[in-house]
Amino acid sequence: MANEASADGLIGVSVCYALAAQVWLRDLRLPAGSTVADALQASGFAQAFPVVQPWERGVGVFGRAAEPQTPLADGDRVEIYRGLSFDPKESRRRRAEHRRAKTARNGRVRPAGLL
């Protein structure tokens, strides 16, 4: 089973941090019962990125938020999140404004009921 430790009592986990142009990834073998905090420490993340505070933006396991004491299972991927380079709401607002301005310039108006 993927969630059980191997015969030697170790589980395999990955720790990743997605940068804008690359992904930092470490594959680890940890004792069964290890936590997210254990994986971060064993990965060397603090040494590789001394100015990044992983818990500031969040840490998760397969896209779900995790706490330092969250236990890990064999095959888990610990993800260290980074801040967004843009605000998604602001981007949607700008696209909508751009579409409205383009429609107004072209003099087109959509008939009611058509999308």
PDB file of N, CA and C in Angstrom:
ATOM      1  N   MET A   1       0.831  -1.193   0.000  1.00  0.00           N
ATOM      2  CA  MET A   1       0.000   0.000   0.000  1.00  0.00           C
ATOM      3  C   MET A   1       0.866   1.244   0.000  1.00  0.00           C
ATOM      4  N   ALA A   2       0.405   2.293  -0.673  1.00  0.00           N
ATOM      5  CA  ALA A   2       1.190   3.509  -0.797  1.00  0.00           C
ATOM      6  C   ALA A   2       1.286   4.283   0.509  1.00  0.00           C
ATOM      7  N   ASN A   3       0.347   4.109   1.419  1.00  0.00           N
ATOM      8  CA  ASN A   3       0.333   4.892   2.652  1.00  0.00           C
ATOM      9  C   ASN A   3       1.103   4.241   3.789  1.00  0.00           C
ATOM     10  N   GLU A   4       1.687   3.100   3.573  1.00  0.00           N
ATOM     11  CA  GLU A   4       2.393   2.396   4.645  1.00  0.00           C
ATOM     12  C   GLU A   4       3.899   2.548   4.487  1.00  0.00           C
ATOM     13  N   ALA A   5       4.586   2.457   5.598  1.00  0.00           N
ATOM     14  CA  ALA A   5       6.042   2.508   5.577  1.00  0.00           C
ATOM     15  C   ALA A   5       6.582   1.228   4.959  1.00  0.00           C
ATOM     16  N   SER A   6       7.758   1.333   4.386  1.00  0.00           N
ATOM     17  CA  SER A   6       8.392   0.151   3.810  1.00  0.00           C
ATOM     18  C   SER A   6       8.912  -0.751   4.935  1.00  0.00           C
ATOM     19  N   ALA A   7       9.444  -1.878   4.564  1.00  0.00           N
ATOM     20  CA  ALA A   7       9.947  -2.846   5.544  1.00  0.00           C
ATOM     21  C   ALA A   7      11.013  -2.242   6.452  1.00  0.00           C
ATOM     22  N   ASP A   8      11.753  -1.250   5.955  1.00  0.00           N
ATOM     23  CA  ASP A   8      12.791  -0.629   6.783  1.00  0.00           C
ATOM     24  C   ASP A   8      12.236   0.486   7.668  1.00  0.00           C
ATOM     25  N   GLY A   9      10.901   0.678   7.658  1.00  0.00           N
ATOM     26  CA  GLY A   9      10.281   1.678   8.523  1.00  0.00           C
ATOM     27  C   GLY A   9      10.369   3.093   7.994  1.00  0.00           C
ATOM     28  N   LEU A  10      10.719   3.245   6.716  1.00  0.00           N
ATOM     29  CA  LEU A  10      10.862   4.579   6.131  1.00  0.00           C
ATOM     30  C   LEU A  10       9.742   4.847   5.129  1.00  0.00           C
ATOM     31  N   ILE A  11       9.402   6.127   4.987  1.00  0.00           N
ATOM     32  CA  ILE A  11       8.451   6.549   3.969  1.00  0.00           C
ATOM     33  C   ILE A  11       9.160   7.478   2.993  1.00  0.00           C
ATOM     34  N   GLY A  12       8.706   7.497   1.767  1.00  0.00           N
ATOM     35  CA  GLY A  12       9.256   8.398   0.760  1.00  0.00           C
ATOM     36  C   GLY A  12       8.342   9.596   0.598  1.00  0.00           C
ATOM     37  N   VAL A  13       8.903  10.801   0.731  1.00  0.00           N
ATOM     38  CA  VAL A  13       8.148  12.030   0.530  1.00  0.00           C
ATOM     39  C   VAL A  13       8.972  12.993  -0.307  1.00  0.00           C
ATOM     40  N   SER A  14       8.296  13.948  -0.927  1.00  0.00           N
ATOM     41  CA  SER A  14       8.965  14.997  -1.690  1.00  0.00           C
ATOM     42  C   SER A  14       8.635  16.332  -1.063  1.00  0.00           C
ATOM     43  N   VAL A  15       9.565  17.253  -1.150  1.00  0.00           N
ATOM     44  CA  VAL A  15       9.345  18.627  -0.713  1.00  0.00           C
ATOM     45  C   VAL A  15       9.620  19.500  -1.933  1.00  0.00           C
ATOM     46  N   CYS A  16       8.659  20.361  -2.282  1.00  0.00           N
ATOM     47  CA  CYS A  16       8.864  21.202  -3.462  1.00  0.00           C
ATOM     48  C   CYS A  16       8.491  22.651  -3.188  1.00  0.00           C
ATOM     49  N   TYR A  17       9.149  23.517  -3.938  1.00  0.00           N
ATOM     50  CA  TYR A  17       8.926  24.959  -3.867  1.00  0.00           C
ATOM     51  C   TYR A  17       8.994  25.468  -5.294  1.00  0.00           C
ATOM     52  N   ALA A  18       7.885  25.962  -5.812  1.00  0.00           N
ATOM     53  CA  ALA A  18       7.829  26.427  -7.197  1.00  0.00           C
ATOM     54  C   ALA A  18       8.232  27.896  -7.274  1.00  0.00           C
ATOM     55  N   LEU A  19       9.312  28.137  -7.979  1.00  0.00           N
ATOM     56  CA  LEU A  19       9.752  29.497  -8.238  1.00  0.00           C
ATOM     57  C   LEU A  19       9.164  29.926  -9.582  1.00  0.00           C
ATOM     58  N   ALA A  20       9.355  31.171  -9.967  1.00  0.00           N
ATOM     59  CA  ALA A  20       8.785  31.658 -11.223  1.00  0.00           C
ATOM     60  C   ALA A  20       9.319  30.887 -12.432  1.00  0.00           C
ATOM     61  N   ALA A  21      10.583  30.535 -12.429  1.00  0.00           N
ATOM     62  CA  ALA A  21      11.184  29.915 -13.612  1.00  0.00           C
ATOM     63  C   ALA A  21      11.655  28.474 -13.391  1.00  0.00           C
ATOM     64  N   GLN A  22      11.554  27.961 -12.183  1.00  0.00           N
ATOM     65  CA  GLN A  22      12.028  26.609 -11.918  1.00  0.00           C
ATOM     66  C   GLN A  22      11.352  26.043 -10.671  1.00  0.00           C
ATOM     67  N   VAL A  23      11.556  24.759 -10.453  1.00  0.00           N
ATOM     68  CA  VAL A  23      11.000  24.102  -9.274  1.00  0.00           C
ATOM     69  C   VAL A  23      12.142  23.502  -8.469  1.00  0.00           C
ATOM     70  N   TRP A  24      12.151  23.818  -7.177  1.00  0.00           N
ATOM     71  CA  TRP A  24      13.123  23.226  -6.249  1.00  0.00           C
ATOM     72  C   TRP A  24      12.439  21.994  -5.676  1.00  0.00           C
ATOM     73  N   LEU A  25      13.077  20.831  -5.803  1.00  0.00           N
ATOM     74  CA  LEU A  25      12.453  19.579  -5.388  1.00  0.00           C
ATOM     75  C   LEU A  25      13.478  18.698  -4.689  1.00  0.00           C
ATOM     76  N   ARG A  26      13.069  18.136  -3.562  1.00  0.00           N
ATOM     77  CA  ARG A  26      13.919  17.194  -2.824  1.00  0.00           C
ATOM     78  C   ARG A  26      13.096  15.955  -2.511  1.00  0.00           C
ATOM     79  N   ASP A  27      13.620  14.795  -2.868  1.00  0.00           N
ATOM     80  CA  ASP A  27      13.010  13.518  -2.508  1.00  0.00           C
ATOM     81  C   ASP A  27      13.700  13.006  -1.259  1.00  0.00           C
ATOM     82  N   LEU A  28      12.916  12.586  -0.284  1.00  0.00           N
ATOM     83  CA  LEU A  28      13.452  12.186   1.012  1.00  0.00           C
ATOM     84  C   LEU A  28      12.941  10.817   1.427  1.00  0.00           C
ATOM     85  N   ARG A  29      13.699  10.159   2.279  1.00  0.00           N
ATOM     86  CA  ARG A  29      13.263   8.955   2.990  1.00  0.00           C
ATOM     87  C   ARG A  29      13.283   9.326   4.463  1.00  0.00           C
ATOM     88  N   LEU A  30      12.124   9.265   5.093  1.00  0.00           N
ATOM     89  CA  LEU A  30      11.984   9.671   6.486  1.00  0.00           C
ATOM     90  C   LEU A  30      11.385   8.534   7.303  1.00  0.00           C
ATOM     91  N   PRO A  31      11.617   8.549   8.608  1.00  0.00           N
ATOM     92  CA  PRO A  31      10.990   7.533   9.459  1.00  0.00           C
ATOM     93  C   PRO A  31       9.470   7.647   9.423  1.00  0.00           C
ATOM     94  N   ALA A  32       8.790   6.516   9.466  1.00  0.00           N
ATOM     95  CA  ALA A  32       7.333   6.522   9.550  1.00  0.00           C
ATOM     96  C   ALA A  32       6.927   7.370  10.746  1.00  0.00           C
ATOM     97  N   GLY A  33       5.862   8.127  10.610  1.00  0.00           N
ATOM     98  CA  GLY A  33       5.414   9.017  11.680  1.00  0.00           C
ATOM     99  C   GLY A  33       5.992  10.416  11.583  1.00  0.00           C
ATOM    100  N   SER A  34       6.810  10.674  10.558  1.00  0.00           N
ATOM    101  CA  SER A  34       7.376  12.009  10.377  1.00  0.00           C
ATOM    102  C   SER A  34       6.281  13.009  10.027  1.00  0.00           C
ATOM    103  N   THR A  35       6.549  14.252  10.341  1.00  0.00           N
ATOM    104  CA  THR A  35       5.587  15.334  10.122  1.00  0.00           C
ATOM    105  C   THR A  35       6.062  16.245   8.996  1.00  0.00           C
ATOM    106  N   VAL A  36       5.189  17.190   8.622  1.00  0.00           N
ATOM    107  CA  VAL A  36       5.547  18.184   7.617  1.00  0.00           C
ATOM    108  C   VAL A  36       6.773  18.974   8.084  1.00  0.00           C
ATOM    109  N   ALA A  37       6.818  19.354   9.347  1.00  0.00           N
ATOM    110  CA  ALA A  37       7.974  20.094   9.875  1.00  0.00           C
ATOM    111  C   ALA A  37       9.253  19.270   9.752  1.00  0.00           C
ATOM    112  N   ASP A  38       9.167  17.964  10.017  1.00  0.00           N
ATOM    113  CA  ASP A  38      10.338  17.085   9.876  1.00  0.00           C
ATOM    114  C   ASP A  38      10.837  17.080   8.432  1.00  0.00           C
ATOM    115  N   ALA A  39       9.898  17.005   7.489  1.00  0.00           N
ATOM    116  CA  ALA A  39      10.266  16.973   6.070  1.00  0.00           C
ATOM    117  C   ALA A  39      10.927  18.276   5.650  1.00  0.00           C
ATOM    118  N   LEU A  40      10.380  19.413   6.103  1.00  0.00           N
ATOM    119  CA  LEU A  40      10.992  20.697   5.760  1.00  0.00           C
ATOM    120  C   LEU A  40      12.409  20.783   6.289  1.00  0.00           C
ATOM    121  N   GLN A  41      12.605  20.346   7.521  1.00  0.00           N
ATOM    122  CA  GLN A  41      13.943  20.406   8.111  1.00  0.00           C
ATOM    123  C   GLN A  41      14.910  19.486   7.368  1.00  0.00           C
ATOM    124  N   ALA A  42      14.488  18.272   7.085  1.00  0.00           N
ATOM    125  CA  ALA A  42      15.367  17.306   6.415  1.00  0.00           C
ATOM    126  C   ALA A  42      15.674  17.693   4.974  1.00  0.00           C
ATOM    127  N   SER A  43      14.796  18.477   4.353  1.00  0.00           N
ATOM    128  CA  SER A  43      14.977  18.828   2.944  1.00  0.00           C
ATOM    129  C   SER A  43      16.096  19.833   2.706  1.00  0.00           C
ATOM    130  N   GLY A  44      16.458  20.591   3.723  1.00  0.00           N
ATOM    131  CA  GLY A  44      17.465  21.637   3.545  1.00  0.00           C
ATOM    132  C   GLY A  44      16.883  22.928   2.988  1.00  0.00           C
ATOM    133  N   PHE A  45      15.565  23.058   3.041  1.00  0.00           N
ATOM    134  CA  PHE A  45      14.905  24.249   2.500  1.00  0.00           C
ATOM    135  C   PHE A  45      15.422  25.533   3.155  1.00  0.00           C
ATOM    136  N   ALA A  46      15.565  25.530   4.461  1.00  0.00           N
ATOM    137  CA  ALA A  46      16.014  26.736   5.175  1.00  0.00           C
ATOM    138  C   ALA A  46      17.404  27.177   4.716  1.00  0.00           C
ATOM    139  N   GLN A  47      18.261  26.216   4.396  1.00  0.00           N
ATOM    140  CA  GLN A  47      19.599  26.564   3.923  1.00  0.00           C
ATOM    141  C   GLN A  47      19.560  27.051   2.470  1.00  0.00           C
ATOM    142  N   ALA A  48      18.695  26.467   1.665  1.00  0.00           N
ATOM    143  CA  ALA A  48      18.595  26.855   0.255  1.00  0.00           C
ATOM    144  C   ALA A  48      17.918  28.212   0.076  1.00  0.00           C
ATOM    145  N   PHE A  49      16.960  28.524   0.971  1.00  0.00           N
ATOM    146  CA  PHE A  49      16.196  29.775   0.879  1.00  0.00           C
ATOM    147  C   PHE A  49      16.125  30.430   2.257  1.00  0.00           C
ATOM    148  N   PRO A  50      17.238  30.968   2.730  1.00  0.00           N
ATOM    149  CA  PRO A  50      17.282  31.483   4.100  1.00  0.00           C
ATOM    150  C   PRO A  50      16.325  32.646   4.382  1.00  0.00           C
ATOM    151  N   VAL A  51      15.910  33.385   3.371  1.00  0.00           N
ATOM    152  CA  VAL A  51      15.025  34.523   3.622  1.00  0.00           C
ATOM    153  C   VAL A  51      13.540  34.163   3.496  1.00  0.00           C
ATOM    154  N   VAL A  52      13.243  32.955   3.055  1.00  0.00           N
ATOM    155  CA  VAL A  52      11.842  32.544   2.885  1.00  0.00           C
ATOM    156  C   VAL A  52      11.342  31.876   4.161  1.00  0.00           C
ATOM    157  N   GLN A  53      10.242  32.354   4.667  1.00  0.00           N
ATOM    158  CA  GLN A  53       9.593  31.750   5.829  1.00  0.00           C
ATOM    159  C   GLN A  53       8.438  30.892   5.300  1.00  0.00           C
ATOM    160  N   PRO A  54       8.594  29.574   5.239  1.00  0.00           N
ATOM    161  CA  PRO A  54       7.593  28.741   4.573  1.00  0.00           C
ATOM    162  C   PRO A  54       6.190  28.845   5.160  1.00  0.00           C
ATOM    163  N   TRP A  55       6.062  29.033   6.447  1.00  0.00           N
ATOM    164  CA  TRP A  55       4.733  29.065   7.063  1.00  0.00           C
ATOM    165  C   TRP A  55       4.032  30.400   6.851  1.00  0.00           C
ATOM    166  N   GLU A  56       4.777  31.409   6.376  1.00  0.00           N
ATOM    167  CA  GLU A  56       4.193  32.730   6.145  1.00  0.00           C
ATOM    168  C   GLU A  56       3.154  32.688   5.026  1.00  0.00           C
ATOM    169  N   ARG A  57       3.463  32.032   3.914  1.00  0.00           N
ATOM    170  CA  ARG A  57       2.544  31.928   2.774  1.00  0.00           C
ATOM    171  C   ARG A  57       1.751  30.633   2.800  1.00  0.00           C
ATOM    172  N   GLY A  58       2.230  29.681   3.567  1.00  0.00           N
ATOM    173  CA  GLY A  58       1.515  28.431   3.693  1.00  0.00           C
ATOM    174  C   GLY A  58       2.297  27.243   3.168  1.00  0.00           C
ATOM    175  N   VAL A  59       1.988  26.108   3.737  1.00  0.00           N
ATOM    176  CA  VAL A  59       2.580  24.832   3.356  1.00  0.00           C
ATOM    177  C   VAL A  59       1.424  23.851   3.243  1.00  0.00           C
ATOM    178  N   GLY A  60       1.509  22.960   2.292  1.00  0.00           N
ATOM    179  CA  GLY A  60       0.437  21.987   2.126  1.00  0.00           C
ATOM    180  C   GLY A  60       0.965  20.642   1.694  1.00  0.00           C
ATOM    181  N   VAL A  61       0.068  19.680   1.679  1.00  0.00           N
ATOM    182  CA  VAL A  61       0.368  18.345   1.179  1.00  0.00           C
ATOM    183  C   VAL A  61      -0.622  18.082   0.051  1.00  0.00           C
ATOM    184  N   PHE A  62      -0.111  17.953  -1.156  1.00  0.00           N
ATOM    185  CA  PHE A  62      -0.957  17.756  -2.339  1.00  0.00           C
ATOM    186  C   PHE A  62      -2.069  18.798  -2.436  1.00  0.00           C
ATOM    187  N   GLY A  63      -1.722  20.074  -2.215  1.00  0.00           N
ATOM    188  CA  GLY A  63      -2.676  21.152  -2.397  1.00  0.00           C
ATOM    189  C   GLY A  63      -3.611  21.417  -1.238  1.00  0.00           C
ATOM    190  N   ARG A  64      -3.462  20.701  -0.159  1.00  0.00           N
ATOM    191  CA  ARG A  64      -4.296  20.934   1.024  1.00  0.00           C
ATOM    192  C   ARG A  64      -3.431  21.515   2.126  1.00  0.00           C
ATOM    193  N   ALA A  65      -3.916  22.574   2.740  1.00  0.00           N
ATOM    194  CA  ALA A  65      -3.155  23.244   3.789  1.00  0.00           C
ATOM    195  C   ALA A  65      -2.763  22.257   4.887  1.00  0.00           C
ATOM    196  N   ALA A  66      -1.549  22.428   5.380  1.00  0.00           N
ATOM    197  CA  ALA A  66      -1.031  21.541   6.423  1.00  0.00           C
ATOM    198  C   ALA A  66      -0.390  22.366   7.523  1.00  0.00           C
ATOM    199  N   GLU A  67      -0.364  21.811   8.697  1.00  0.00           N
ATOM    200  CA  GLU A  67       0.291  22.411   9.857  1.00  0.00           C
ATOM    201  C   GLU A  67       1.625  21.700  10.069  1.00  0.00           C
ATOM    202  N   PRO A  68       2.520  22.284  10.860  1.00  0.00           N
ATOM    203  CA  PRO A  68       3.814  21.633  11.093  1.00  0.00           C
ATOM    204  C   PRO A  68       3.687  20.210  11.631  1.00  0.00           C
ATOM    205  N   GLN A  69       2.694  19.950  12.450  1.00  0.00           N
ATOM    206  CA  GLN A  69       2.546  18.635  13.079  1.00  0.00           C
ATOM    207  C   GLN A  69       1.748  17.643  12.228  1.00  0.00           C
ATOM    208  N   THR A  70       1.358  18.024  11.015  1.00  0.00           N
ATOM    209  CA  THR A  70       0.607  17.119  10.141  1.00  0.00           C
ATOM    210  C   THR A  70       1.464  15.895   9.822  1.00  0.00           C
ATOM    211  N   PRO A  71       0.961  14.689  10.098  1.00  0.00           N
ATOM    212  CA  PRO A  71       1.739  13.483   9.791  1.00  0.00           C
ATOM    213  C   PRO A  71       1.773  13.212   8.286  1.00  0.00           C
ATOM    214  N   LEU A  72       2.857  12.637   7.848  1.00  0.00           N
ATOM    215  CA  LEU A  72       3.031  12.325   6.434  1.00  0.00           C
ATOM    216  C   LEU A  72       2.870  10.838   6.179  1.00  0.00           C
ATOM    217  N   ALA A  73       2.464  10.525   4.957  1.00  0.00           N
ATOM    218  CA  ALA A  73       2.335   9.143   4.512  1.00  0.00           C
ATOM    219  C   ALA A  73       3.293   8.917   3.354  1.00  0.00           C
ATOM    220  N   ASP A  74       3.598   7.677   3.099  1.00  0.00           N
ATOM    221  CA  ASP A  74       4.482   7.328   1.992  1.00  0.00           C
ATOM    222  C   ASP A  74       3.914   7.891   0.688  1.00  0.00           C
ATOM    223  N   GLY A  75       4.750   8.591  -0.072  1.00  0.00           N
ATOM    224  CA  GLY A  75       4.341   9.147  -1.355  1.00  0.00           C
ATOM    225  C   GLY A  75       3.822  10.569  -1.294  1.00  0.00           C
ATOM    226  N   ASP A  76       3.726  11.168  -0.111  1.00  0.00           N
ATOM    227  CA  ASP A  76       3.211  12.534   0.006  1.00  0.00           C
ATOM    228  C   ASP A  76       4.169  13.541  -0.622  1.00  0.00           C
ATOM    229  N   ARG A  77       3.579  14.647  -1.122  1.00  0.00           N
ATOM    230  CA  ARG A  77       4.366  15.765  -1.644  1.00  0.00           C
ATOM    231  C   ARG A  77       4.061  16.981  -0.786  1.00  0.00           C
ATOM    232  N   VAL A  78       5.067  17.494  -0.096  1.00  0.00           N
ATOM    233  CA  VAL A  78       4.939  18.699   0.717  1.00  0.00           C
ATOM    234  C   VAL A  78       5.230  19.887  -0.194  1.00  0.00           C
ATOM    235  N   GLU A  79       4.294  20.830  -0.228  1.00  0.00           N
ATOM    236  CA  GLU A  79       4.419  21.990  -1.108  1.00  0.00           C
ATOM    237  C   GLU A  79       4.568  23.255  -0.275  1.00  0.00           C
ATOM    238  N   ILE A  80       5.571  24.042  -0.602  1.00  0.00           N
ATOM    239  CA  ILE A  80       5.803  25.322   0.067  1.00  0.00           C
ATOM    240  C   ILE A  80       5.279  26.386  -0.885  1.00  0.00           C
ATOM    241  N   TYR A  81       4.284  27.128  -0.440  1.00  0.00           N
ATOM    242  CA  TYR A  81       3.636  28.090  -1.317  1.00  0.00           C
ATOM    243  C   TYR A  81       4.354  29.426  -1.292  1.00  0.00           C
ATOM    244  N   ARG A  82       4.207  30.157  -2.387  1.00  0.00           N
ATOM    245  CA  ARG A  82       4.779  31.503  -2.472  1.00  0.00           C
ATOM    246  C   ARG A  82       3.656  32.467  -2.805  1.00  0.00           C
ATOM    247  N   GLY A  83       3.905  33.736  -2.614  1.00  0.00           N
ATOM    248  CA  GLY A  83       2.887  34.743  -2.896  1.00  0.00           C
ATOM    249  C   GLY A  83       2.593  34.840  -4.383  1.00  0.00           C
ATOM    250  N   LEU A  84       1.382  35.264  -4.697  1.00  0.00           N
ATOM    251  CA  LEU A  84       1.011  35.465  -6.091  1.00  0.00           C
ATOM    252  C   LEU A  84       1.706  36.705  -6.622  1.00  0.00           C
ATOM    253  N   SER A  85       2.078  36.668  -7.893  1.00  0.00           N
ATOM    254  CA  SER A  85       2.710  37.826  -8.503  1.00  0.00           C
ATOM    255  C   SER A  85       1.670  38.826  -8.980  1.00  0.00           C
ATOM    256  N   PHE A  86       0.385  38.452  -8.921  1.00  0.00           N
ATOM    257  CA  PHE A  86      -0.700  39.344  -9.309  1.00  0.00           C
ATOM    258  C   PHE A  86      -1.935  38.990  -8.486  1.00  0.00           C
ATOM    259  N   ASP A  87      -2.878  39.891  -8.452  1.00  0.00           N
ATOM    260  CA  ASP A  87      -4.141  39.666  -7.751  1.00  0.00           C
ATOM    261  C   ASP A  87      -5.156  39.158  -8.774  1.00  0.00           C
ATOM    262  N   PRO A  88      -5.658  37.933  -8.638  1.00  0.00           N
ATOM    263  CA  PRO A  88      -6.589  37.386  -9.627  1.00  0.00           C
ATOM    264  C   PRO A  88      -7.851  38.243  -9.809  1.00  0.00           C
ATOM    265  N   LYS A  89      -8.356  38.826  -8.744  1.00  0.00           N
ATOM    266  CA  LYS A  89      -9.546  39.675  -8.865  1.00  0.00           C
ATOM    267  C   LYS A  89      -9.239  40.913  -9.698  1.00  0.00           C
ATOM    268  N   GLU A  90      -8.077  41.498  -9.463  1.00  0.00           N
ATOM    269  CA  GLU A  90      -7.677  42.679 -10.223  1.00  0.00           C
ATOM    270  C   GLU A  90      -7.485  42.330 -11.690  1.00  0.00           C
ATOM    271  N   SER A  91      -6.909  41.181 -11.983  1.00  0.00           N
ATOM    272  CA  SER A  91      -6.724  40.756 -13.375  1.00  0.00           C
ATOM    273  C   SER A  91      -8.062  40.570 -14.081  1.00  0.00           C
ATOM    274  N   ARG A  92      -9.024  39.942 -13.422  1.00  0.00           N
ATOM    275  CA  ARG A  92     -10.358  39.769 -14.024  1.00  0.00           C
ATOM    276  C   ARG A  92     -11.020  41.116 -14.276  1.00  0.00           C
ATOM    277  N   ARG A  93     -10.888  42.039 -13.321  1.00  0.00           N
ATOM    278  CA  ARG A  93     -11.481  43.367 -13.483  1.00  0.00           C
ATOM    279  C   ARG A  93     -10.877  44.082 -14.691  1.00  0.00           C
ATOM    280  N   ARG A  94      -9.556  44.011 -14.839  1.00  0.00           N
ATOM    281  CA  ARG A  94      -8.896  44.673 -15.975  1.00  0.00           C
ATOM    282  C   ARG A  94      -9.309  44.060 -17.306  1.00  0.00           C
ATOM    283  N   ARG A  95      -9.436  42.730 -17.356  1.00  0.00           N
ATOM    284  CA  ARG A  95      -9.875  42.085 -18.602  1.00  0.00           C
ATOM    285  C   ARG A  95     -11.288  42.517 -18.964  1.00  0.00           C
ATOM    286  N   ALA A  96     -12.170  42.593 -17.974  1.00  0.00           N
ATOM    287  CA  ALA A  96     -13.546  43.018 -18.230  1.00  0.00           C
ATOM    288  C   ALA A  96     -13.575  44.460 -18.730  1.00  0.00           C
ATOM    289  N   GLU A  97     -12.789  45.331 -18.126  1.00  0.00           N
ATOM    290  CA  GLU A  97     -12.720  46.726 -18.584  1.00  0.00           C
ATOM    291  C   GLU A  97     -12.195  46.793 -20.010  1.00  0.00           C
ATOM    292  N   HIS A  98     -11.196  45.992 -20.308  1.00  0.00           N
ATOM    293  CA  HIS A  98     -10.618  45.978 -21.658  1.00  0.00           C
ATOM    294  C   HIS A  98     -11.671  45.543 -22.681  1.00  0.00           C
ATOM    295  N   ARG A  99     -12.438  44.495 -22.349  1.00  0.00           N
ATOM    296  CA  ARG A  99     -13.490  44.034 -23.267  1.00  0.00           C
ATOM    297  C   ARG A  99     -14.558  45.107 -23.464  1.00  0.00           C
ATOM    298  N   ARG A 100     -14.959  45.782 -22.382  1.00  0.00           N
ATOM    299  CA  ARG A 100     -15.960  46.848 -22.502  1.00  0.00           C
ATOM    300  C   ARG A 100     -15.445  47.979 -23.378  1.00  0.00           C
ATOM    301  N   ALA A 101     -14.183  48.373 -23.173  1.00  0.00           N
ATOM    302  CA  ALA A 101     -13.605  49.458 -23.966  1.00  0.00           C
ATOM    303  C   ALA A 101     -13.509  49.057 -25.436  1.00  0.00           C
ATOM    304  N   LYS A 102     -13.134  47.841 -25.714  1.00  0.00           N
ATOM    305  CA  LYS A 102     -13.018  47.373 -27.097  1.00  0.00           C
ATOM    306  C   LYS A 102     -14.389  47.358 -27.763  1.00  0.00           C
ATOM    307  N   THR A 103     -15.402  46.888 -27.057  1.00  0.00           N
ATOM    308  CA  THR A 103     -16.764  46.854 -27.591  1.00  0.00           C
ATOM    309  C   THR A 103     -17.248  48.271 -27.878  1.00  0.00           C
ATOM    310  N   ALA A 104     -16.970  49.215 -26.981  1.00  0.00           N
ATOM    311  CA  ALA A 104     -17.396  50.601 -27.164  1.00  0.00           C
ATOM    312  C   ALA A 104     -16.690  51.221 -28.374  1.00  0.00           C
ATOM    313  N   ARG A 105     -15.410  50.924 -28.578  1.00  0.00           N
ATOM    314  CA  ARG A 105     -14.659  51.470 -29.721  1.00  0.00           C
ATOM    315  C   ARG A 105     -15.196  50.936 -31.040  1.00  0.00           C
ATOM    316  N   ASN A 106     -15.583  49.669 -31.042  1.00  0.00           N
ATOM    317  CA  ASN A 106     -16.057  49.046 -32.270  1.00  0.00           C
ATOM    318  C   ASN A 106     -17.524  49.338 -32.545  1.00  0.00           C
ATOM    319  N   GLY A 107     -18.202  49.932 -31.585  1.00  0.00           N
ATOM    320  CA  GLY A 107     -19.599  50.269 -31.753  1.00  0.00           C
ATOM    321  C   GLY A 107     -20.519  49.066 -31.759  1.00  0.00           C
ATOM    322  N   ARG A 108     -20.028  47.932 -31.300  1.00  0.00           N
ATOM    323  CA  ARG A 108     -20.849  46.732 -31.275  1.00  0.00           C
ATOM    324  C   ARG A 108     -21.577  46.618 -29.938  1.00  0.00           C
ATOM    325  N   VAL A 109     -22.770  46.163 -30.036  1.00  0.00           N
ATOM    326  CA  VAL A 109     -23.540  45.873 -28.836  1.00  0.00           C
ATOM    327  C   VAL A 109     -24.131  44.489 -29.036  1.00  0.00           C
ATOM    328  N   ARG A 110     -23.995  43.638 -28.083  1.00  0.00           N
ATOM    329  CA  ARG A 110     -24.555  42.288 -28.188  1.00  0.00           C
ATOM    330  C   ARG A 110     -26.062  42.332 -28.013  1.00  0.00           C
ATOM    331  N   PRO A 111     -26.781  41.607 -28.852  1.00  0.00           N
ATOM    332  CA  PRO A 111     -28.227  41.528 -28.667  1.00  0.00           C
ATOM    333  C   PRO A 111     -28.546  40.881 -27.321  1.00  0.00           C
ATOM    334  N   ALA A 112     -29.624  41.305 -26.724  1.00  0.00           N
ATOM    335  CA  ALA A 112     -30.035  40.750 -25.440  1.00  0.00           C
ATOM    336  C   ALA A 112     -30.242  39.245 -25.558  1.00  0.00           C
ATOM    337  N   GLY A 113     -29.781  38.510 -24.575  1.00  0.00           N
ATOM    338  CA  GLY A 113     -29.973  37.070 -24.554  1.00  0.00           C
ATOM    339  C   GLY A 113     -28.859  36.293 -25.210  1.00  0.00           C
ATOM    340  N   LEU A 114     -27.970  36.942 -25.919  1.00  0.00           N
ATOM    341  CA  LEU A 114     -26.845  36.224 -26.548  1.00  0.00           C
ATOM    342  C   LEU A 114     -25.580  36.487 -25.760  1.00  0.00           C
ATOM    343  N   LEU A 115     -24.802  35.445 -25.568  1.00  0.00           N
ATOM    344  CA  LEU A 115     -23.535  35.602 -24.850  1.00  0.00           C
ATOM    345  C   LEU A 115     -22.394  35.378 -25.761  1.00  0.00           C
TER     346      LEU A 115
END
